[in-house]
Amino acid sequence: MRMIFLPALLLVASCSQQEPAGNQSASAAAGEPVQIASNDPADCAKVTLDIGPERFTEGRENFAVGTTARTRLDENFTVALAQACAEGMLAKQPLVDPRSKEKNTLFIANASEANIASIYFDNGATWFEGPFFVDGKHVQVPGPAAIKEAIYCYAVGATPEEQEQTGRCLPD
């Protein structure tokens, strides 16, 4: 099983260029320090993408290492991860669940009927699931914004109000 290591250079460059986002949590007691979400690239673990063969059967060859779709997915994921890191999204929740057997691997799973990409922990692995191969012929590669939204939904989550009003972070 080959893995692609996502370039740390892009992560470092992106994280060092942006100011911390408003993702802060203040303590209730006066005088206690405000905890600011870190945007230090060292705090964002290097994560690789790999295909979960049991959850990506049809169309899997389109996302094999070296293919156009896989290269675009790796690039888009790298951009999204760097942005999520810079905005402090991963300050409290690592992208790969600590219970995962593979501590730095996010497994790609195809869900042709899904409306959005999502990230979740299941059966000892952290999964990045989405409609990557649809109708037995259409290859779909999510852009950085869609991947960043999946990271947000996994690591931060939408408020109940957001979910009710806009459906944010509610995959079908």
C-alpha atoms as a PDB file:
ATOM      1  CA  MET A   1       0.000   0.000   0.000  1.00  0.00           C
ATOM      2  CA  ARG A   2       1.673   3.224  -1.160  1.00  0.00           C
ATOM      3  CA  MET A   3       0.989   6.548   0.497  1.00  0.00           C
ATOM      4  CA  ILE A   4       1.572  10.092  -0.644  1.00  0.00           C
ATOM      5  CA  PHE A   5       3.097  12.367   1.962  1.00  0.00           C
ATOM      6  CA  LEU A   6       1.559  15.786   1.609  1.00  0.00           C
ATOM      7  CA  PRO A   7       4.102  18.547   1.174  1.00  0.00           C
ATOM      8  CA  ALA A   8       4.863  20.192   4.470  1.00  0.00           C
ATOM      9  CA  LEU A   9       6.279  23.200   2.674  1.00  0.00           C
ATOM     10  CA  LEU A  10       2.849  24.363   1.523  1.00  0.00           C
ATOM     11  CA  LEU A  11       1.491  23.810   5.006  1.00  0.00           C
ATOM     12  CA  VAL A  12       4.283  25.857   6.563  1.00  0.00           C
ATOM     13  CA  ALA A  13       3.982  28.649   4.006  1.00  0.00           C
ATOM     14  CA  SER A  14       0.220  28.935   4.348  1.00  0.00           C
ATOM     15  CA  CYS A  15       0.147  28.729   8.119  1.00  0.00           C
ATOM     16  CA  SER A  16       2.817  31.368   8.570  1.00  0.00           C
ATOM     17  CA  GLN A  17       1.131  33.888   6.269  1.00  0.00           C
ATOM     18  CA  GLN A  18      -2.248  34.198   7.984  1.00  0.00           C
ATOM     19  CA  GLU A  19      -3.386  35.713  11.233  1.00  0.00           C
ATOM     20  CA  PRO A  20      -5.150  33.468  13.754  1.00  0.00           C
ATOM     21  CA  ALA A  21      -8.857  33.204  13.090  1.00  0.00           C
ATOM     22  CA  GLY A  22     -11.493  34.183  15.598  1.00  0.00           C
ATOM     23  CA  ASN A  23     -11.601  30.603  16.805  1.00  0.00           C
ATOM     24  CA  GLN A  24     -10.895  31.427  20.433  1.00  0.00           C
ATOM     25  CA  SER A  25     -12.295  30.207  23.708  1.00  0.00           C
ATOM     26  CA  ALA A  26     -12.233  32.515  26.701  1.00  0.00           C
ATOM     27  CA  SER A  27     -12.584  31.222  30.212  1.00  0.00           C
ATOM     28  CA  ALA A  28     -15.531  32.382  32.271  1.00  0.00           C
ATOM     29  CA  ALA A  29     -13.518  33.620  35.233  1.00  0.00           C
ATOM     30  CA  ALA A  30     -12.036  37.097  35.081  1.00  0.00           C
ATOM     31  CA  GLY A  31      -8.278  37.245  34.936  1.00  0.00           C
ATOM     32  CA  GLU A  32      -7.826  33.780  33.480  1.00  0.00           C
ATOM     33  CA  PRO A  33      -5.914  33.653  30.203  1.00  0.00           C
ATOM     34  CA  VAL A  34      -7.721  33.467  26.901  1.00  0.00           C
ATOM     35  CA  GLN A  35      -6.809  30.310  25.029  1.00  0.00           C
ATOM     36  CA  ILE A  36      -6.166  31.038  21.364  1.00  0.00           C
ATOM     37  CA  ALA A  37      -6.296  28.271  18.780  1.00  0.00           C
ATOM     38  CA  SER A  38      -2.807  27.590  17.505  1.00  0.00           C
ATOM     39  CA  ASN A  39      -1.846  28.260  13.919  1.00  0.00           C
ATOM     40  CA  ASP A  40       1.630  26.834  14.354  1.00  0.00           C
ATOM     41  CA  PRO A  41       2.263  24.312  11.563  1.00  0.00           C
ATOM     42  CA  ALA A  42       4.057  22.057  14.037  1.00  0.00           C
ATOM     43  CA  ASP A  43       0.746  21.632  15.846  1.00  0.00           C
ATOM     44  CA  CYS A  44      -0.955  20.285  12.707  1.00  0.00           C
ATOM     45  CA  ALA A  45       0.114  16.714  12.160  1.00  0.00           C
ATOM     46  CA  LYS A  46       1.261  15.657   8.731  1.00  0.00           C
ATOM     47  CA  VAL A  47      -1.608  13.655   7.247  1.00  0.00           C
ATOM     48  CA  THR A  48      -1.556  11.325   4.258  1.00  0.00           C
ATOM     49  CA  LEU A  49      -4.408  10.159   2.079  1.00  0.00           C
ATOM     50  CA  ASP A  50      -4.782   6.504   1.208  1.00  0.00           C
ATOM     51  CA  ILE A  51      -7.536   4.484  -0.427  1.00  0.00           C
ATOM     52  CA  GLY A  52      -9.620   2.221   1.754  1.00  0.00           C
ATOM     53  CA  PRO A  53     -10.159  -0.689  -0.677  1.00  0.00           C
ATOM     54  CA  GLU A  54     -13.153  -2.040   1.209  1.00  0.00           C
ATOM     55  CA  ARG A  55     -14.960   1.311   0.898  1.00  0.00           C
ATOM     56  CA  PHE A  56     -13.813   2.352  -2.547  1.00  0.00           C
ATOM     57  CA  THR A  57     -14.401  -0.485  -4.973  1.00  0.00           C
ATOM     58  CA  GLU A  58     -15.859   0.819  -8.227  1.00  0.00           C
ATOM     59  CA  GLY A  59     -13.738   3.579  -9.748  1.00  0.00           C
ATOM     60  CA  ARG A  60     -10.845   3.093  -7.342  1.00  0.00           C
ATOM     61  CA  GLU A  61      -8.344   2.933 -10.206  1.00  0.00           C
ATOM     62  CA  ASN A  62      -9.174   6.589 -10.996  1.00  0.00           C
ATOM     63  CA  PHE A  63      -7.716   7.591  -7.617  1.00  0.00           C
ATOM     64  CA  ALA A  64      -4.594   5.431  -7.673  1.00  0.00           C
ATOM     65  CA  VAL A  65      -1.344   7.210  -6.876  1.00  0.00           C
ATOM     66  CA  GLY A  66      -0.100   9.105  -9.935  1.00  0.00           C
ATOM     67  CA  THR A  67      -3.467   9.524 -11.663  1.00  0.00           C
ATOM     68  CA  THR A  68      -4.762  12.989 -12.527  1.00  0.00           C
ATOM     69  CA  ALA A  69      -7.670  12.719 -10.082  1.00  0.00           C
ATOM     70  CA  ARG A  70      -5.458  11.555  -7.223  1.00  0.00           C
ATOM     71  CA  THR A  71      -2.886  14.262  -7.864  1.00  0.00           C
ATOM     72  CA  ARG A  72      -5.619  16.929  -7.848  1.00  0.00           C
ATOM     73  CA  LEU A  73      -7.155  15.443  -4.691  1.00  0.00           C
ATOM     74  CA  ASP A  74      -3.775  15.433  -2.915  1.00  0.00           C
ATOM     75  CA  GLU A  75      -3.119  19.044  -3.976  1.00  0.00           C
ATOM     76  CA  ASN A  76      -6.592  20.233  -2.946  1.00  0.00           C
ATOM     77  CA  PHE A  77      -6.312  18.390   0.355  1.00  0.00           C
ATOM     78  CA  THR A  78      -2.922  19.984   1.048  1.00  0.00           C
ATOM     79  CA  VAL A  79      -4.345  23.469   0.449  1.00  0.00           C
ATOM     80  CA  ALA A  80      -7.416  22.789   2.605  1.00  0.00           C
ATOM     81  CA  LEU A  81      -5.365  21.298   5.436  1.00  0.00           C
ATOM     82  CA  ALA A  82      -2.988  24.278   5.419  1.00  0.00           C
ATOM     83  CA  GLN A  83      -5.913  26.703   5.566  1.00  0.00           C
ATOM     84  CA  ALA A  84      -7.631  24.740   8.343  1.00  0.00           C
ATOM     85  CA  CYS A  85      -4.390  24.729  10.312  1.00  0.00           C
ATOM     86  CA  ALA A  86      -3.849  28.449   9.800  1.00  0.00           C
ATOM     87  CA  GLU A  87      -7.385  29.181  10.968  1.00  0.00           C
ATOM     88  CA  GLY A  88      -6.958  27.102  14.124  1.00  0.00           C
ATOM     89  CA  MET A  89      -9.572  24.494  13.214  1.00  0.00           C
ATOM     90  CA  LEU A  90      -7.346  21.651  14.397  1.00  0.00           C
ATOM     91  CA  ALA A  91      -6.279  23.217  17.697  1.00  0.00           C
ATOM     92  CA  LYS A  92      -8.618  21.057  19.799  1.00  0.00           C
ATOM     93  CA  GLN A  93      -9.362  18.104  17.524  1.00  0.00           C
ATOM     94  CA  PRO A  94      -6.703  16.405  15.381  1.00  0.00           C
ATOM     95  CA  LEU A  95      -7.746  15.532  11.847  1.00  0.00           C
ATOM     96  CA  VAL A  96      -7.017  11.842  12.371  1.00  0.00           C
ATOM     97  CA  ASP A  97      -8.867  10.406  15.349  1.00  0.00           C
ATOM     98  CA  PRO A  98      -6.418   9.299  18.089  1.00  0.00           C
ATOM     99  CA  ARG A  99      -8.167   5.897  18.169  1.00  0.00           C
ATOM    100  CA  SER A 100      -7.187   5.227  14.542  1.00  0.00           C
ATOM    101  CA  LYS A 101      -4.736   2.402  13.960  1.00  0.00           C
ATOM    102  CA  GLU A 102      -2.960   4.543  11.338  1.00  0.00           C
ATOM    103  CA  LYS A 103      -2.203   7.738  13.270  1.00  0.00           C
ATOM    104  CA  ASN A 104      -1.484   9.991  10.279  1.00  0.00           C
ATOM    105  CA  THR A 105      -3.662   8.471   7.548  1.00  0.00           C
ATOM    106  CA  LEU A 106      -7.037   9.602   6.315  1.00  0.00           C
ATOM    107  CA  PHE A 107      -8.626   6.851   4.214  1.00  0.00           C
ATOM    108  CA  ILE A 108     -10.561   7.794   1.094  1.00  0.00           C
ATOM    109  CA  ALA A 109     -13.989   6.165   0.794  1.00  0.00           C
ATOM    110  CA  ASN A 110     -16.379   6.571  -2.108  1.00  0.00           C
ATOM    111  CA  ALA A 111     -19.991   7.439  -1.335  1.00  0.00           C
ATOM    112  CA  SER A 112     -21.542   8.027  -4.734  1.00  0.00           C
ATOM    113  CA  GLU A 113     -24.888   9.088  -3.249  1.00  0.00           C
ATOM    114  CA  ALA A 114     -23.432  11.604  -0.760  1.00  0.00           C
ATOM    115  CA  ASN A 115     -24.226  15.290  -1.089  1.00  0.00           C
ATOM    116  CA  ILE A 116     -21.006  16.501   0.595  1.00  0.00           C
ATOM    117  CA  ALA A 117     -17.632  15.170   1.648  1.00  0.00           C
ATOM    118  CA  SER A 118     -17.357  14.175   5.294  1.00  0.00           C
ATOM    119  CA  ILE A 119     -14.754  12.934   7.747  1.00  0.00           C
ATOM    120  CA  TYR A 120     -15.512  10.423  10.495  1.00  0.00           C
ATOM    121  CA  PHE A 121     -14.009   7.659  12.626  1.00  0.00           C
ATOM    122  CA  ASP A 122     -15.195   4.076  12.114  1.00  0.00           C
ATOM    123  CA  ASN A 123     -13.717   0.589  12.612  1.00  0.00           C
ATOM    124  CA  GLY A 124     -10.311   1.756  13.768  1.00  0.00           C
ATOM    125  CA  ALA A 125      -9.737   4.294  10.968  1.00  0.00           C
ATOM    126  CA  THR A 126     -10.514   7.901  10.102  1.00  0.00           C
ATOM    127  CA  TRP A 127     -12.355   8.176   6.794  1.00  0.00           C
ATOM    128  CA  PHE A 128     -12.645  10.962   4.217  1.00  0.00           C
ATOM    129  CA  GLU A 129     -15.817  10.031   2.379  1.00  0.00           C
ATOM    130  CA  GLY A 130     -17.442  11.715  -0.572  1.00  0.00           C
ATOM    131  CA  PRO A 131     -18.930  11.306  -4.014  1.00  0.00           C
ATOM    132  CA  PHE A 132     -15.592  10.708  -5.757  1.00  0.00           C
ATOM    133  CA  PHE A 133     -16.877   8.309  -8.425  1.00  0.00           C
ATOM    134  CA  VAL A 134     -20.520   8.681  -9.435  1.00  0.00           C
ATOM    135  CA  ASP A 135     -22.836   6.777 -11.765  1.00  0.00           C
ATOM    136  CA  GLY A 136     -20.097   4.336 -12.678  1.00  0.00           C
ATOM    137  CA  LYS A 137     -18.353   6.865 -14.917  1.00  0.00           C
ATOM    138  CA  HIS A 138     -17.980  10.366 -13.434  1.00  0.00           C
ATOM    139  CA  VAL A 139     -14.819  11.205 -11.494  1.00  0.00           C
ATOM    140  CA  GLN A 140     -15.341  14.062  -9.042  1.00  0.00           C
ATOM    141  CA  VAL A 141     -12.523  15.717  -7.126  1.00  0.00           C
ATOM    142  CA  PRO A 142     -13.631  18.092  -4.365  1.00  0.00           C
ATOM    143  CA  GLY A 143     -11.969  21.488  -4.358  1.00  0.00           C
ATOM    144  CA  PRO A 144     -10.082  22.966  -1.413  1.00  0.00           C
ATOM    145  CA  ALA A 145     -13.183  24.793  -0.124  1.00  0.00           C
ATOM    146  CA  ALA A 146     -15.259  21.591   0.011  1.00  0.00           C
ATOM    147  CA  ILE A 147     -12.448  19.702   1.725  1.00  0.00           C
ATOM    148  CA  LYS A 148     -11.906  22.528   4.211  1.00  0.00           C
ATOM    149  CA  GLU A 149     -15.633  22.455   4.991  1.00  0.00           C
ATOM    150  CA  ALA A 150     -15.378  18.698   5.700  1.00  0.00           C
ATOM    151  CA  ILE A 151     -12.436  19.397   8.013  1.00  0.00           C
ATOM    152  CA  TYR A 152     -14.447  22.145   9.741  1.00  0.00           C
ATOM    153  CA  CYS A 153     -17.456  19.880  10.226  1.00  0.00           C
ATOM    154  CA  TYR A 154     -15.303  17.112  11.687  1.00  0.00           C
ATOM    155  CA  ALA A 155     -12.999  19.170  13.899  1.00  0.00           C
ATOM    156  CA  VAL A 156     -15.225  22.088  14.923  1.00  0.00           C
ATOM    157  CA  GLY A 157     -18.797  21.273  13.914  1.00  0.00           C
ATOM    158  CA  ALA A 158     -21.764  23.444  13.114  1.00  0.00           C
ATOM    159  CA  THR A 159     -23.988  24.841  15.798  1.00  0.00           C
ATOM    160  CA  PRO A 160     -27.486  23.386  16.113  1.00  0.00           C
ATOM    161  CA  GLU A 161     -28.797  26.665  14.712  1.00  0.00           C
ATOM    162  CA  GLU A 162     -26.537  26.417  11.640  1.00  0.00           C
ATOM    163  CA  GLN A 163     -27.606  22.838  11.078  1.00  0.00           C
ATOM    164  CA  GLU A 164     -31.280  23.710  11.366  1.00  0.00           C
ATOM    165  CA  GLN A 165     -31.173  26.901   9.290  1.00  0.00           C
ATOM    166  CA  THR A 166     -28.674  25.987   6.576  1.00  0.00           C
ATOM    167  CA  GLY A 167     -28.050  22.255   6.848  1.00  0.00           C
ATOM    168  CA  ARG A 168     -24.337  22.880   7.404  1.00  0.00           C
ATOM    169  CA  CYS A 169     -22.434  19.721   8.312  1.00  0.00           C
ATOM    170  CA  LEU A 170     -25.430  17.477   7.669  1.00  0.00           C
ATOM    171  CA  PRO A 171     -24.502  14.899   5.034  1.00  0.00           C
ATOM    172  CA  ASP A 172     -27.300  12.956   3.388  1.00  0.00           C
END
